[in-house]
PDB file of N, CA and C in Angstrom:
ATOM      1  N   MET A   1       1.184 -13.411  11.808  1.00  0.00           N
ATOM      2  CA  MET A   1       0.823 -12.429  10.550  1.00  0.00           C
ATOM      3  C   MET A   1       0.888 -13.733   9.047  1.00  0.00           C
ATOM      4  N   SER A   2       1.246 -14.628   8.934  1.00  0.00           N
ATOM      5  CA  SER A   2       1.405 -15.193   7.925  1.00  0.00           C
ATOM      6  C   SER A   2       0.301 -16.240   7.325  1.00  0.00           C
ATOM      7  N   ASP A   3      -0.564 -16.449   8.131  1.00  0.00           N
ATOM      8  CA  ASP A   3      -1.455 -17.187   7.453  1.00  0.00           C
ATOM      9  C   ASP A   3      -2.205 -17.059   6.307  1.00  0.00           C
ATOM     10  N   THR A   4      -2.770 -17.888   5.777  1.00  0.00           N
ATOM     11  CA  THR A   4      -3.354 -17.514   4.083  1.00  0.00           C
ATOM     12  C   THR A   4      -4.199 -16.448   3.776  1.00  0.00           C
ATOM     13  N   ILE A   5      -5.192 -16.602   4.823  1.00  0.00           N
ATOM     14  CA  ILE A   5      -6.463 -15.800   4.491  1.00  0.00           C
ATOM     15  C   ILE A   5      -6.027 -14.329   5.254  1.00  0.00           C
ATOM     16  N   THR A   6      -5.570 -13.979   6.532  1.00  0.00           N
ATOM     17  CA  THR A   6      -4.758 -12.535   6.766  1.00  0.00           C
ATOM     18  C   THR A   6      -4.009 -12.439   5.597  1.00  0.00           C
ATOM     19  N   GLN A   7      -3.133 -12.748   5.088  1.00  0.00           N
ATOM     20  CA  GLN A   7      -2.178 -12.232   3.610  1.00  0.00           C
ATOM     21  C   GLN A   7      -3.102 -11.864   2.972  1.00  0.00           C
ATOM     22  N   THR A   8      -4.185 -12.661   2.408  1.00  0.00           N
ATOM     23  CA  THR A   8      -5.340 -12.661   1.101  1.00  0.00           C
ATOM     24  C   THR A   8      -5.960 -11.347   1.295  1.00  0.00           C
ATOM     25  N   ARG A   9      -6.642 -10.906   2.326  1.00  0.00           N
ATOM     26  CA  ARG A   9      -7.339 -10.208   3.019  1.00  0.00           C
ATOM     27  C   ARG A   9      -6.314  -8.686   2.729  1.00  0.00           C
ATOM     28  N   LEU A  10      -5.065  -8.960   3.676  1.00  0.00           N
ATOM     29  CA  LEU A  10      -4.337  -7.848   3.394  1.00  0.00           C
ATOM     30  C   LEU A  10      -3.730  -7.237   1.932  1.00  0.00           C
ATOM     31  N   SER A  11      -3.610  -8.149   1.306  1.00  0.00           N
ATOM     32  CA  SER A  11      -3.068  -8.154  -0.239  1.00  0.00           C
ATOM     33  C   SER A  11      -4.638  -7.550  -0.780  1.00  0.00           C
ATOM     34  N   MET A  12      -5.699  -7.722  -0.868  1.00  0.00           N
ATOM     35  CA  MET A  12      -7.063  -7.302  -1.438  1.00  0.00           C
ATOM     36  C   MET A  12      -7.305  -5.841  -0.790  1.00  0.00           C
ATOM     37  N   ARG A  13      -6.882  -5.230   0.413  1.00  0.00           N
ATOM     38  CA  ARG A  13      -6.620  -4.166   0.524  1.00  0.00           C
ATOM     39  C   ARG A  13      -5.678  -3.274   0.065  1.00  0.00           C
ATOM     40  N   LEU A  14      -4.535  -3.949  -0.443  1.00  0.00           N
ATOM     41  CA  LEU A  14      -3.520  -3.210  -0.936  1.00  0.00           C
ATOM     42  C   LEU A  14      -3.769  -2.765  -2.332  1.00  0.00           C
ATOM     43  N   ASP A  15      -4.509  -3.887  -3.166  1.00  0.00           N
ATOM     44  CA  ASP A  15      -4.742  -3.816  -4.425  1.00  0.00           C
ATOM     45  C   ASP A  15      -6.061  -2.673  -4.663  1.00  0.00           C
ATOM     46  N   THR A  16      -6.956  -2.625  -3.516  1.00  0.00           N
ATOM     47  CA  THR A  16      -7.865  -1.258  -3.236  1.00  0.00           C
ATOM     48  C   THR A  16      -7.269   0.182  -3.332  1.00  0.00           C
ATOM     49  N   TYR A  17      -6.020   0.191  -2.423  1.00  0.00           N
ATOM     50  CA  TYR A  17      -5.398   1.131  -2.392  1.00  0.00           C
ATOM     51  C   TYR A  17      -5.040   1.828  -3.368  1.00  0.00           C
ATOM     52  N   LEU A  18      -4.318   0.645  -4.427  1.00  0.00           N
ATOM     53  CA  LEU A  18      -3.720   0.967  -5.653  1.00  0.00           C
ATOM     54  C   LEU A  18      -4.700   1.197  -6.754  1.00  0.00           C
ATOM     55  N   SER A  19      -5.497   0.781  -6.765  1.00  0.00           N
ATOM     56  CA  SER A  19      -6.738   1.283  -7.605  1.00  0.00           C
ATOM     57  C   SER A  19      -7.103   3.007  -7.268  1.00  0.00           C
ATOM     58  N   ASP A  20      -6.891   2.694  -5.919  1.00  0.00           N
ATOM     59  CA  ASP A  20      -7.604   4.543  -5.853  1.00  0.00           C
ATOM     60  C   ASP A  20      -6.315   5.461  -6.016  1.00  0.00           C
ATOM     61  N   TYR A  21      -5.189   4.969  -6.105  1.00  0.00           N
ATOM     62  CA  TYR A  21      -4.090   5.792  -6.316  1.00  0.00           C
ATOM     63  C   TYR A  21      -4.227   5.965  -7.792  1.00  0.00           C
ATOM     64  N   LYS A  22      -4.053   4.921  -8.431  1.00  0.00           N
ATOM     65  CA  LYS A  22      -4.172   5.203  -9.960  1.00  0.00           C
ATOM     66  C   LYS A  22      -5.555   6.026 -10.090  1.00  0.00           C
ATOM     67  N   GLY A  23      -6.512   6.119  -9.845  1.00  0.00           N
ATOM     68  CA  GLY A  23      -7.519   6.931  -9.836  1.00  0.00           C
ATOM     69  C   GLY A  23      -7.124   8.116 -10.035  1.00  0.00           C
ATOM     70  N   LYS A  24      -6.507   8.333  -8.551  1.00  0.00           N
ATOM     71  CA  LYS A  24      -5.956  10.114  -8.518  1.00  0.00           C
ATOM     72  C   LYS A  24      -5.094  10.520  -9.102  1.00  0.00           C
ATOM     73  N   HIS A  25      -4.706  10.077 -10.224  1.00  0.00           N
ATOM     74  CA  HIS A  25      -3.774  10.616 -11.562  1.00  0.00           C
ATOM     75  C   HIS A  25      -2.733  11.418 -10.896  1.00  0.00           C
ATOM     76  N   ILE A  26      -1.936  11.279  -9.903  1.00  0.00           N
ATOM     77  CA  ILE A  26      -0.951  12.000  -9.174  1.00  0.00           C
ATOM     78  C   ILE A  26       0.270  12.234 -10.229  1.00  0.00           C
ATOM     79  N   GLU A  27       0.476  13.321 -10.061  1.00  0.00           N
ATOM     80  CA  GLU A  27       1.540  13.638 -10.665  1.00  0.00           C
ATOM     81  C   GLU A  27       3.383  13.514 -10.142  1.00  0.00           C
ATOM     82  N   ASN A  28       4.136  13.551 -10.576  1.00  0.00           N
ATOM     83  CA  ASN A  28       5.382  12.905 -10.191  1.00  0.00           C
ATOM     84  C   ASN A  28       5.769  14.109  -9.280  1.00  0.00           C
ATOM     85  N   ASP A  29       5.552  15.331  -9.239  1.00  0.00           N
ATOM     86  CA  ASP A  29       6.009  16.335  -8.426  1.00  0.00           C
ATOM     87  C   ASP A  29       5.157  16.931  -7.370  1.00  0.00           C
ATOM     88  N   ASN A  30       4.207  15.855  -7.202  1.00  0.00           N
ATOM     89  CA  ASN A  30       3.434  15.599  -5.678  1.00  0.00           C
ATOM     90  C   ASN A  30       4.200  15.233  -4.649  1.00  0.00           C
ATOM     91  N   ILE A  31       4.029  16.523  -3.557  1.00  0.00           N
ATOM     92  CA  ILE A  31       4.765  16.459  -2.568  1.00  0.00           C
ATOM     93  C   ILE A  31       4.974  15.086  -1.592  1.00  0.00           C
ATOM     94  N   TRP A  32       3.585  14.429  -2.108  1.00  0.00           N
ATOM     95  CA  TRP A  32       3.441  13.301  -0.998  1.00  0.00           C
ATOM     96  C   TRP A  32       4.243  11.902  -2.176  1.00  0.00           C
ATOM     97  N   LYS A  33       4.163  11.758  -3.206  1.00  0.00           N
ATOM     98  CA  LYS A  33       4.547  11.437  -4.101  1.00  0.00           C
ATOM     99  C   LYS A  33       5.926  10.176  -3.834  1.00  0.00           C
ATOM    100  N   LYS A  34       7.037  10.705  -3.271  1.00  0.00           N
ATOM    101  CA  LYS A  34       7.890  10.064  -2.536  1.00  0.00           C
ATOM    102  C   LYS A  34       7.724   9.235  -1.400  1.00  0.00           C
ATOM    103  N   GLU A  35       6.806   9.666  -0.518  1.00  0.00           N
ATOM    104  CA  GLU A  35       6.410   9.005   0.563  1.00  0.00           C
ATOM    105  C   GLU A  35       5.606   7.938   0.327  1.00  0.00           C
ATOM    106  N   TRP A  36       4.571   7.865  -1.125  1.00  0.00           N
ATOM    107  CA  TRP A  36       4.000   6.979  -1.276  1.00  0.00           C
ATOM    108  C   TRP A  36       4.987   5.678  -1.518  1.00  0.00           C
ATOM    109  N   ASP A  37       5.612   6.027  -2.910  1.00  0.00           N
ATOM    110  CA  ASP A  37       6.366   5.337  -3.361  1.00  0.00           C
ATOM    111  C   ASP A  37       7.423   4.440  -2.424  1.00  0.00           C
ATOM    112  N   THR A  38       7.680   4.959  -1.225  1.00  0.00           N
ATOM    113  CA  THR A  38       8.216   4.267  -0.176  1.00  0.00           C
ATOM    114  C   THR A  38       7.524   3.285   0.487  1.00  0.00           C
ATOM    115  N   ALA A  39       6.067   3.961   1.052  1.00  0.00           N
ATOM    116  CA  ALA A  39       5.209   2.978   1.769  1.00  0.00           C
ATOM    117  C   ALA A  39       4.580   1.875   0.731  1.00  0.00           C
ATOM    118  N   TRP A  40       4.570   2.050  -0.669  1.00  0.00           N
ATOM    119  CA  TRP A  40       4.121   0.996  -1.657  1.00  0.00           C
ATOM    120  C   TRP A  40       5.111  -0.072  -2.053  1.00  0.00           C
ATOM    121  N   GLU A  41       6.297   0.323  -1.910  1.00  0.00           N
ATOM    122  CA  GLU A  41       7.788  -0.429  -1.753  1.00  0.00           C
ATOM    123  C   GLU A  41       7.671  -1.287  -0.570  1.00  0.00           C
ATOM    124  N   ILE A  42       7.810  -1.090   0.799  1.00  0.00           N
ATOM    125  CA  ILE A  42       7.872  -1.447   1.774  1.00  0.00           C
ATOM    126  C   ILE A  42       6.706  -2.665   1.491  1.00  0.00           C
ATOM    127  N   ALA A  43       5.313  -2.321   1.192  1.00  0.00           N
ATOM    128  CA  ALA A  43       4.194  -3.289   1.188  1.00  0.00           C
ATOM    129  C   ALA A  43       4.261  -4.352   0.249  1.00  0.00           C
ATOM    130  N   ALA A  44       4.931  -3.929  -1.062  1.00  0.00           N
ATOM    131  CA  ALA A  44       5.170  -5.000  -1.906  1.00  0.00           C
ATOM    132  C   ALA A  44       5.936  -5.779  -1.824  1.00  0.00           C
ATOM    133  N   LEU A  45       7.074  -5.233  -0.787  1.00  0.00           N
ATOM    134  CA  LEU A  45       8.091  -6.419  -0.480  1.00  0.00           C
ATOM    135  C   LEU A  45       7.660  -7.626   0.234  1.00  0.00           C
ATOM    136  N   ALA A  46       6.650  -6.966   1.381  1.00  0.00           N
ATOM    137  CA  ALA A  46       6.050  -7.770   2.577  1.00  0.00           C
ATOM    138  C   ALA A  46       5.029  -8.792   1.687  1.00  0.00           C
ATOM    139  N   ARG A  47       4.521  -8.175   0.967  1.00  0.00           N
ATOM    140  CA  ARG A  47       3.637  -8.717   0.017  1.00  0.00           C
ATOM    141  C   ARG A  47       4.283 -10.266  -0.613  1.00  0.00           C
ATOM    142  N   ALA A  48       5.052  -9.952  -1.643  1.00  0.00           N
ATOM    143  CA  ALA A  48       5.893 -10.733  -2.046  1.00  0.00           C
ATOM    144  C   ALA A  48       6.457 -12.287  -0.750  1.00  0.00           C
ATOM    145  N   ASN A  49       6.826 -11.613  -0.004  1.00  0.00           N
ATOM    146  CA  ASN A  49       7.014 -12.581   1.398  1.00  0.00           C
ATOM    147  C   ASN A  49       6.289 -13.065   2.136  1.00  0.00           C
ATOM    148  N   SER A  50       4.833 -13.166   1.681  1.00  0.00           N
ATOM    149  CA  SER A  50       4.025 -13.223   2.677  1.00  0.00           C
ATOM    150  C   SER A  50       4.292 -12.883   4.071  1.00  0.00           C
ATOM    151  N   GLU A  51       4.621 -11.388   4.137  1.00  0.00           N
ATOM    152  CA  GLU A  51       4.793 -10.812   5.586  1.00  0.00           C
ATOM    153  C   GLU A  51       4.108  -9.478   5.899  1.00  0.00           C
ATOM    154  N   LEU A  52       2.711  -9.420   4.971  1.00  0.00           N
ATOM    155  CA  LEU A  52       1.951  -8.433   4.984  1.00  0.00           C
ATOM    156  C   LEU A  52       1.482  -8.269   6.777  1.00  0.00           C
ATOM    157  N   THR A  53       1.539  -7.131   7.379  1.00  0.00           N
ATOM    158  CA  THR A  53       0.782  -6.728   8.594  1.00  0.00           C
ATOM    159  C   THR A  53       0.056  -5.429   8.385  1.00  0.00           C
ATOM    160  N   PRO A  54      -1.377  -5.441   9.048  1.00  0.00           N
ATOM    161  CA  PRO A  54      -2.187  -4.348   9.142  1.00  0.00           C
ATOM    162  C   PRO A  54      -1.253  -3.226   9.091  1.00  0.00           C
ATOM    163  N   VAL A  55      -0.339  -2.943  10.200  1.00  0.00           N
ATOM    164  CA  VAL A  55       0.458  -1.574  10.419  1.00  0.00           C
ATOM    165  C   VAL A  55       0.934  -1.131   8.853  1.00  0.00           C
ATOM    166  N   ILE A  56       1.394  -2.159   8.367  1.00  0.00           N
ATOM    167  CA  ILE A  56       2.228  -2.004   6.465  1.00  0.00           C
ATOM    168  C   ILE A  56       1.024  -1.428   5.937  1.00  0.00           C
ATOM    169  N   VAL A  57      -0.092  -2.227   6.001  1.00  0.00           N
ATOM    170  CA  VAL A  57      -1.077  -1.794   4.955  1.00  0.00           C
ATOM    171  C   VAL A  57      -1.663  -0.415   5.589  1.00  0.00           C
ATOM    172  N   ASP A  58      -1.681  -0.272   6.707  1.00  0.00           N
ATOM    173  CA  ASP A  58      -2.286   0.958   7.222  1.00  0.00           C
ATOM    174  C   ASP A  58      -1.369   2.175   6.587  1.00  0.00           C
ATOM    175  N   ASP A  59      -0.092   1.893   6.836  1.00  0.00           N
ATOM    176  CA  ASP A  59       0.760   2.866   6.389  1.00  0.00           C
ATOM    177  C   ASP A  59       0.530   3.711   5.084  1.00  0.00           C
ATOM    178  N   VAL A  60       0.050   2.448   4.176  1.00  0.00           N
ATOM    179  CA  VAL A  60      -0.325   2.828   2.308  1.00  0.00           C
ATOM    180  C   VAL A  60      -1.385   3.821   2.687  1.00  0.00           C
ATOM    181  N   ARG A  61      -2.624   3.051   3.323  1.00  0.00           N
ATOM    182  CA  ARG A  61      -3.769   4.136   3.429  1.00  0.00           C
ATOM    183  C   ARG A  61      -3.563   5.401   4.097  1.00  0.00           C
ATOM    184  N   VAL A  62      -2.919   5.286   4.789  1.00  0.00           N
ATOM    185  CA  VAL A  62      -2.062   6.769   5.246  1.00  0.00           C
ATOM    186  C   VAL A  62      -2.024   7.869   4.470  1.00  0.00           C
ATOM    187  N   VAL A  63      -0.643   7.278   3.717  1.00  0.00           N
ATOM    188  CA  VAL A  63      -0.277   7.981   2.470  1.00  0.00           C
ATOM    189  C   VAL A  63      -1.403   8.546   1.491  1.00  0.00           C
ATOM    190  N   LEU A  64      -2.136   7.667   1.228  1.00  0.00           N
ATOM    191  CA  LEU A  64      -3.033   7.630   0.209  1.00  0.00           C
ATOM    192  C   LEU A  64      -3.686   8.775   0.252  1.00  0.00           C
ATOM    193  N   ASN A  65      -4.187   8.758   1.693  1.00  0.00           N
ATOM    194  CA  ASN A  65      -5.214   9.933   2.147  1.00  0.00           C
ATOM    195  C   ASN A  65      -4.642  11.020   2.389  1.00  0.00           C
ATOM    196  N   LYS A  66      -3.369  11.390   2.199  1.00  0.00           N
ATOM    197  CA  LYS A  66      -2.690  12.694   2.164  1.00  0.00           C
ATOM    198  C   LYS A  66      -2.903  13.289   0.635  1.00  0.00           C
ATOM    199  N   PHE A  67      -2.945  12.813  -0.297  1.00  0.00           N
ATOM    200  CA  PHE A  67      -3.319  13.135  -1.648  1.00  0.00           C
ATOM    201  C   PHE A  67      -4.480  13.770  -1.690  1.00  0.00           C
TER     202      PHE A  67
END
């Protein structure tokens, strides 16, 4: 999954999810905040290493939809 086009598309999806997350104005005491932080950290690390996968990006989406 390291081809440039795939990584770019997955990265764009992550950017959309982050924007949606910021738009929700999540409080620090929200029960899903820790799960979001974990999923986002994994995704950010994978993005930095050009190792994003659809599964990682989908995990971020799933947590976002819990808010």
